[in-house]
Amino acid sequence: MPRLLLVEDEPAIADTLVYVLENECHVVSHAMTGMDALAMQSAAAHDLAILDVGLPDMTGFDLCRKLREKWPIPVLFLTARGGELDRVLGLEIGGDDYVTKPFSPREVAARVKAILRRTGAGAVSLPEVVAGALVVDDVEKRIRCGAERIDLTAHEYRMAAVLISRPGRVFTREQLLEHAWDDPGAVTDRTVDTHVKSLRAKLREACAGAEEMIVTRRGLGYSYSPQGE
């Protein structure tokens, strides 16, 4: 899962963004100052930085420059300053996008996803995730049951990989659409049900009983249980 560095000194805004971004399967580290953010990045590299421009110890623009001295990290700026000069400055120093307060947290999440897709940041993950009988092979983009490879479509693989990588977590149909389709708005949430049915059939054929590991949570969505239903 992509690791995000959020640098925001307003707790209410930060808490909302952390909640929304973690629901989108990102790992979020939150810092309230530029110096704390630099220490966090030094301790564990992140895939994208979300920087408030108005920080207590330095501007977000200065923090961006300091980060870029060592790490080629994509940057999304958050600011209450919506003037054209500020937007141009943020982009000229290497910012990848710019959101003006007040903003929708969902918009920020969508822009984060777009930057990650565009830059390829966060694309490198663990080669394999093992959860019960099933294995996510991220190198070959396949799901295995032991040594048996399961022949899945791209959408089926993406859905299965998200579910298997987070055992027990419930994903709504909307969240699965966001993860599995490049243009989730082009299909309906019932498309997820159709693909889950197909995924279960292929799991059953390759590994008896594995289909029961994809659990329907009525009124909520789907989850993965290594022990089955």
Protein backbone atom coordinates (compact mmCIF):
# COMPACT_ATOMS: atom_id res chain seq x y z
CA MET A 1 0.00 0.00 0.00
CA PRO A 2 1.30 3.50 -0.82
CA ARG A 3 2.84 5.38 2.11
CA LEU A 4 1.77 9.03 2.40
CA LEU A 5 3.42 11.80 4.41
CA LEU A 6 0.77 14.31 5.53
CA VAL A 7 2.10 17.58 6.95
CA GLU A 8 -0.80 19.62 8.35
CA ASP A 9 -0.86 21.63 11.60
CA GLU A 10 -4.66 21.86 11.94
CA PRO A 11 -5.73 18.70 13.84
CA ALA A 12 -9.33 18.70 12.58
CA ILE A 13 -8.24 18.81 8.93
CA ALA A 14 -5.49 16.26 9.51
CA ASP A 15 -7.79 13.79 11.30
CA THR A 16 -10.35 13.95 8.49
CA LEU A 17 -7.72 13.46 5.80
CA VAL A 18 -6.08 10.55 7.63
CA TYR A 19 -9.46 8.83 7.98
CA VAL A 20 -10.37 9.25 4.29
CA LEU A 21 -6.93 8.32 2.96
CA GLU A 22 -6.61 5.22 5.15
CA ASN A 23 -10.05 4.14 3.94
CA GLU A 24 -8.54 4.29 0.44
CA CYS A 25 -5.88 1.79 1.56
CA HIS A 26 -3.02 4.24 2.05
CA VAL A 27 -0.66 4.17 5.01
CA VAL A 28 -0.54 7.72 6.39
CA SER A 29 2.17 9.31 8.58
CA HIS A 30 1.09 12.66 10.05
CA ALA A 31 3.46 15.46 11.03
CA MET A 32 2.51 18.92 12.30
CA THR A 33 5.79 20.68 11.50
CA GLY A 34 8.31 20.66 8.70
CA MET A 35 11.10 19.39 10.93
CA ASP A 36 8.99 16.46 12.12
CA ALA A 37 8.17 15.66 8.50
CA LEU A 38 11.85 15.59 7.52
CA ALA A 39 12.58 13.25 10.43
CA MET A 40 9.74 10.93 9.40
CA GLN A 41 10.92 10.84 5.80
CA SER A 42 14.48 10.09 6.93
CA ALA A 43 13.24 7.23 9.12
CA ALA A 44 11.02 5.65 6.43
CA ALA A 45 10.68 6.85 2.85
CA HIS A 46 7.17 7.76 1.69
CA ASP A 47 5.64 7.55 -1.76
CA LEU A 48 3.93 10.97 -1.77
CA ALA A 49 3.88 14.08 0.44
CA ILE A 50 0.80 16.22 1.15
CA LEU A 51 2.09 19.56 2.41
CA ASP A 52 0.18 22.41 4.01
CA VAL A 53 1.80 25.65 2.83
CA GLY A 54 1.26 27.47 6.15
CA LEU A 55 3.28 25.46 8.66
CA PRO A 56 4.49 26.87 12.02
CA ASP A 57 8.24 26.41 11.45
CA MET A 58 8.64 26.78 7.66
CA THR A 59 6.49 27.14 4.57
CA GLY A 60 5.33 24.10 2.67
CA PHE A 61 7.31 25.46 -0.28
CA ASP A 62 10.52 25.44 1.79
CA LEU A 63 9.72 21.93 3.03
CA CYS A 64 9.21 20.77 -0.54
CA ARG A 65 12.65 22.10 -1.49
CA LYS A 66 14.27 20.33 1.49
CA LEU A 67 12.52 17.04 0.69
CA ARG A 68 13.52 17.24 -2.96
CA GLU A 69 17.19 17.72 -2.03
CA LYS A 70 17.29 14.03 -1.00
CA TRP A 71 14.14 12.30 -2.23
CA PRO A 72 12.31 12.41 -5.61
CA ILE A 73 8.94 12.40 -3.85
CA PRO A 74 5.73 13.65 -5.53
CA VAL A 75 4.12 16.58 -3.69
CA LEU A 76 0.53 17.79 -3.32
CA PHE A 77 0.15 21.25 -1.74
CA LEU A 78 -2.73 22.22 0.57
CA THR A 79 -3.22 25.92 1.18
CA ALA A 80 -5.68 28.66 2.06
CA ARG A 81 -3.80 30.91 -0.37
CA GLY A 82 -5.45 30.53 -3.74
CA GLY A 83 -3.70 33.32 -5.63
CA GLU A 84 -2.28 32.57 -9.05
CA LEU A 85 1.27 33.49 -8.00
CA ASP A 86 1.17 30.99 -5.13
CA ARG A 87 -0.13 28.25 -7.41
CA VAL A 88 2.55 28.98 -9.99
CA LEU A 89 5.28 29.04 -7.32
CA GLY A 90 4.13 25.71 -5.91
CA LEU A 91 4.22 24.09 -9.33
CA GLU A 92 7.50 25.73 -10.35
CA ILE A 93 9.37 24.35 -7.34
CA GLY A 94 8.22 20.85 -8.22
CA GLY A 95 4.72 20.45 -6.82
CA ASP A 96 2.61 17.89 -8.67
CA ASP A 97 -0.77 19.38 -7.74
CA TYR A 98 -2.35 22.12 -5.65
CA VAL A 99 -5.61 22.14 -3.62
CA THR A 100 -7.04 25.32 -2.09
CA LYS A 101 -8.84 25.29 1.26
CA PRO A 102 -11.68 24.71 1.95
CA PHE A 103 -11.58 21.45 0.03
CA SER A 104 -13.37 18.12 -0.05
CA PRO A 105 -11.29 15.32 1.52
CA ARG A 106 -12.59 13.06 -1.25
CA GLU A 107 -11.14 15.46 -3.81
CA VAL A 108 -7.76 15.25 -2.08
CA ALA A 109 -7.97 11.44 -2.12
CA ALA A 110 -8.82 11.49 -5.83
CA ARG A 111 -5.89 13.81 -6.60
CA VAL A 112 -3.54 11.59 -4.56
CA LYS A 113 -4.66 8.57 -6.55
CA ALA A 114 -4.15 10.45 -9.83
CA ILE A 115 -0.62 11.55 -8.85
CA LEU A 116 0.35 8.03 -7.78
CA ARG A 117 -0.98 6.61 -11.04
CA ARG A 118 0.72 9.30 -13.13
CA THR A 119 4.10 9.12 -11.42
CA GLY A 120 4.13 5.40 -10.68
CA ALA A 121 4.95 6.19 -7.04
CA GLY A 122 4.05 3.44 -4.63
CA ALA A 123 3.88 0.90 -7.43
CA VAL A 124 6.63 -1.24 -5.90
CA SER A 125 5.25 -3.51 -3.20
CA LEU A 126 6.10 -6.76 -1.50
CA PRO A 127 6.68 -9.51 -4.11
CA GLU A 128 4.20 -11.80 -2.36
CA VAL A 129 1.44 -11.57 0.21
CA VAL A 130 0.44 -14.89 1.78
CA ALA A 131 -2.95 -15.11 3.50
CA GLY A 132 -4.18 -18.59 4.24
CA ALA A 133 -4.30 -20.82 1.16
CA LEU A 134 -4.02 -17.90 -1.28
CA VAL A 135 -0.94 -15.95 -2.35
CA VAL A 136 -0.80 -12.57 -4.12
CA ASP A 137 2.19 -12.55 -6.49
CA ASP A 138 2.64 -8.84 -7.22
CA VAL A 139 5.54 -9.44 -9.62
CA GLU A 140 3.56 -11.62 -12.01
CA LYS A 141 0.22 -10.02 -11.08
CA ARG A 142 -1.30 -13.40 -10.28
CA ILE A 143 -3.15 -15.11 -7.46
CA ARG A 144 -1.94 -18.59 -6.52
CA CYS A 145 -3.35 -21.39 -4.44
CA GLY A 146 -0.15 -23.12 -3.36
CA ALA A 147 1.69 -23.69 -6.63
CA GLU A 148 -1.52 -23.50 -8.69
CA ARG A 149 -1.87 -20.28 -10.68
CA ILE A 150 -5.42 -18.98 -10.99
CA ASP A 151 -6.29 -17.46 -14.37
CA LEU A 152 -7.96 -14.12 -13.56
CA THR A 153 -8.87 -11.05 -15.57
CA ALA A 154 -7.18 -7.75 -14.66
CA HIS A 155 -10.24 -6.57 -12.72
CA GLU A 156 -10.58 -9.88 -10.88
CA TYR A 157 -6.89 -9.82 -9.96
CA ARG A 158 -7.03 -6.26 -8.63
CA MET A 159 -10.10 -6.99 -6.52
CA ALA A 160 -8.65 -10.23 -5.19
CA ALA A 161 -5.29 -8.60 -4.41
CA VAL A 162 -6.91 -5.79 -2.41
CA LEU A 163 -9.10 -8.18 -0.41
CA ILE A 164 -6.41 -10.79 0.26
CA SER A 165 -3.83 -8.18 1.28
CA ARG A 166 -6.14 -6.90 4.06
CA PRO A 167 -7.75 -9.97 5.71
CA GLY A 168 -10.85 -9.13 7.72
CA ARG A 169 -11.22 -5.60 6.37
CA VAL A 170 -14.58 -4.84 4.75
CA PHE A 171 -14.42 -3.06 1.40
CA THR A 172 -17.52 -1.39 0.00
CA ARG A 173 -18.41 -1.91 -3.65
CA GLU A 174 -17.39 1.69 -4.32
CA GLN A 175 -13.93 1.11 -2.80
CA LEU A 176 -13.41 -2.04 -4.87
CA LEU A 177 -14.40 -0.13 -8.01
CA GLU A 178 -11.83 2.55 -7.15
CA HIS A 179 -9.09 -0.04 -6.77
CA ALA A 180 -9.94 -2.34 -9.65
CA TRP A 181 -11.13 -0.04 -12.44
CA ASP A 182 -9.18 2.79 -14.09
CA ASP A 183 -12.47 4.64 -14.68
CA PRO A 184 -14.81 3.52 -11.87
CA GLY A 185 -17.45 6.03 -12.90
CA ALA A 186 -17.98 4.17 -16.17
CA VAL A 187 -19.47 1.09 -14.44
CA THR A 188 -22.01 0.46 -11.69
CA ASP A 189 -21.37 -1.04 -8.28
CA ARG A 190 -23.29 -4.14 -9.38
CA THR A 191 -20.35 -4.83 -11.69
CA VAL A 192 -18.43 -5.74 -8.53
CA ASP A 193 -21.00 -8.42 -7.67
CA THR A 194 -20.65 -9.95 -11.14
CA HIS A 195 -16.86 -10.06 -10.90
CA VAL A 196 -16.96 -11.48 -7.36
CA LYS A 197 -19.20 -14.28 -8.62
CA SER A 198 -16.72 -15.03 -11.42
CA LEU A 199 -13.77 -14.79 -9.01
CA ARG A 200 -15.37 -17.27 -6.62
CA ALA A 201 -16.00 -19.73 -9.45
CA LYS A 202 -12.36 -19.62 -10.50
CA LEU A 203 -11.17 -19.99 -6.90
CA ARG A 204 -13.45 -23.01 -6.45
CA GLU A 205 -12.05 -24.66 -9.57
CA ALA A 206 -8.42 -24.09 -8.60
CA CYS A 207 -8.61 -24.64 -4.85
CA ALA A 208 -11.62 -26.38 -3.29
CA GLY A 209 -13.15 -24.24 -0.56
CA ALA A 210 -11.20 -21.09 -1.45
CA GLU A 211 -14.34 -19.44 -2.81
CA GLU A 212 -15.67 -19.26 0.76
CA MET A 213 -12.76 -17.00 1.72
CA ILE A 214 -14.37 -14.12 -0.21
CA VAL A 215 -17.05 -13.21 2.33
CA THR A 216 -20.18 -11.20 1.55
CA ARG A 217 -20.96 -8.66 4.28
CA ARG A 218 -24.59 -7.87 3.59
CA GLY A 219 -25.32 -4.17 3.37
CA LEU A 220 -21.60 -3.42 3.65
CA GLY A 221 -19.51 -5.06 0.93
CA TYR A 222 -16.92 -7.83 0.82
CA SER A 223 -14.00 -9.04 2.91
CA TYR A 224 -11.41 -11.81 2.82
CA SER A 225 -11.19 -14.46 5.53
CA PRO A 226 -8.38 -17.07 5.32
CA GLN A 227 -10.59 -19.40 7.39
CA GLY A 228 -13.61 -18.97 5.13
CA GLU A 229 -17.14 -18.02 6.12
